[in-house]
Protein backbone atom coordinates (compact mmCIF):
# COMPACT_ATOMS: atom_id res chain seq x y z
CA MET A 1 121.59 -34.48 45.49
CA SER A 2 119.06 -31.29 45.55
CA ASN A 3 115.23 -31.36 45.51
CA GLN A 4 115.05 -30.55 42.11
CA ALA A 5 117.28 -32.98 40.84
CA TRP A 6 115.33 -35.67 42.54
CA SER A 7 111.99 -34.39 40.67
CA TRP A 8 113.41 -34.56 37.29
CA LEU A 9 115.24 -37.82 38.10
CA LEU A 10 111.85 -39.48 39.45
CA ALA A 11 110.16 -37.80 36.91
CA ILE A 12 112.21 -39.05 33.80
CA PHE A 13 112.17 -42.54 35.13
CA GLY A 14 108.42 -42.73 36.35
CA VAL A 15 107.29 -41.38 32.54
CA THR A 16 109.73 -43.92 31.08
CA GLY A 17 108.30 -46.98 32.59
CA MET A 18 104.90 -45.99 31.98
CA TRP A 19 105.86 -45.41 28.16
CA TYR A 20 107.20 -49.29 28.05
CA VAL A 21 103.79 -49.84 29.94
CA GLY A 22 102.22 -48.84 27.03
CA LYS A 23 104.47 -50.79 24.41
CA LYS A 24 103.17 -54.10 26.76
CA GLN A 25 106.83 -54.80 28.06
CA ALA A 26 106.81 -57.02 30.57
CA THR A 27 110.43 -55.32 31.60
CA ALA A 28 108.66 -52.18 32.04
CA PHE A 29 107.54 -53.62 35.70
CA PHE A 30 110.86 -54.52 36.70
CA PHE A 31 111.88 -50.90 35.43
CA LEU A 32 109.43 -49.25 37.75
CA THR A 33 109.95 -51.73 40.83
CA ALA A 34 113.72 -50.63 40.65
CA ASN A 35 112.59 -46.88 40.19
CA GLU A 36 110.97 -47.47 43.60
CA ILE A 37 113.87 -47.64 45.04
CA LEU A 38 114.73 -44.10 43.91
CA TRP A 39 111.83 -42.63 46.19
CA VAL A 40 112.85 -45.01 49.12
CA LEU A 41 116.36 -42.87 48.76
CA PHE A 42 114.40 -39.41 48.08
CA ALA A 43 112.38 -40.30 51.24
CA LEU A 44 115.23 -40.83 53.73
CA GLN A 45 117.48 -37.54 52.40
CA THR A 46 114.44 -35.79 52.71
CA LYS A 47 113.16 -37.39 55.67
CA GLN A 48 109.56 -38.11 54.41
CA TYR A 49 108.91 -41.04 55.06
CA GLY A 50 105.36 -41.82 54.19
CA PHE A 51 106.90 -42.36 50.49
CA ILE A 52 108.80 -45.90 51.68
CA PHE A 53 105.04 -46.84 52.67
CA MET A 54 104.12 -45.82 48.79
CA ALA A 55 106.92 -47.26 47.11
CA VAL A 56 106.96 -50.63 49.03
CA CYS A 57 103.05 -50.68 47.88
CA TYR A 58 103.59 -49.78 44.12
CA ALA A 59 107.02 -52.16 44.05
CA THR A 60 104.63 -54.83 45.34
CA VAL A 61 102.28 -54.15 42.66
CA TYR A 62 104.67 -53.68 40.02
CA PHE A 63 106.92 -56.90 40.77
CA ARG A 64 103.15 -58.81 41.00
CA ASN A 65 102.30 -57.43 37.37
CA GLY A 66 105.39 -58.18 35.64
CA MET A 67 105.36 -62.10 37.11
CA ARG A 68 101.72 -62.18 35.77
CA TRP A 69 103.04 -60.59 32.63
CA LYS A 70 105.75 -62.61 31.73
CA ARG A 71 103.91 -65.87 32.71
CA GLU A 72 101.14 -65.04 30.19
CA ASN A 73 104.08 -64.20 27.52
C-alpha cells in the first residue's frame, strides 16, 4: 500500500474513532484500539518503528478508558 493510501486510511479511522468518543460511545475506545493495529502495520511497512511504541501506548490507554466507561455505564 502506498504511503498516500496509508495516510488516508489512518486519518479516516482516527477521526471516526474520535467522532464516536464525542458521542460518548464506549465502543469508540475499542475501535481506536483496533486502529492501532493499522499503525503497527504502517510502521512495519515503512520501517518507522517508533510508531509501534506509540501504537502500544495509545492502545493501552484506549483499552483502559474503554473498560472504565463500560463499568460506569
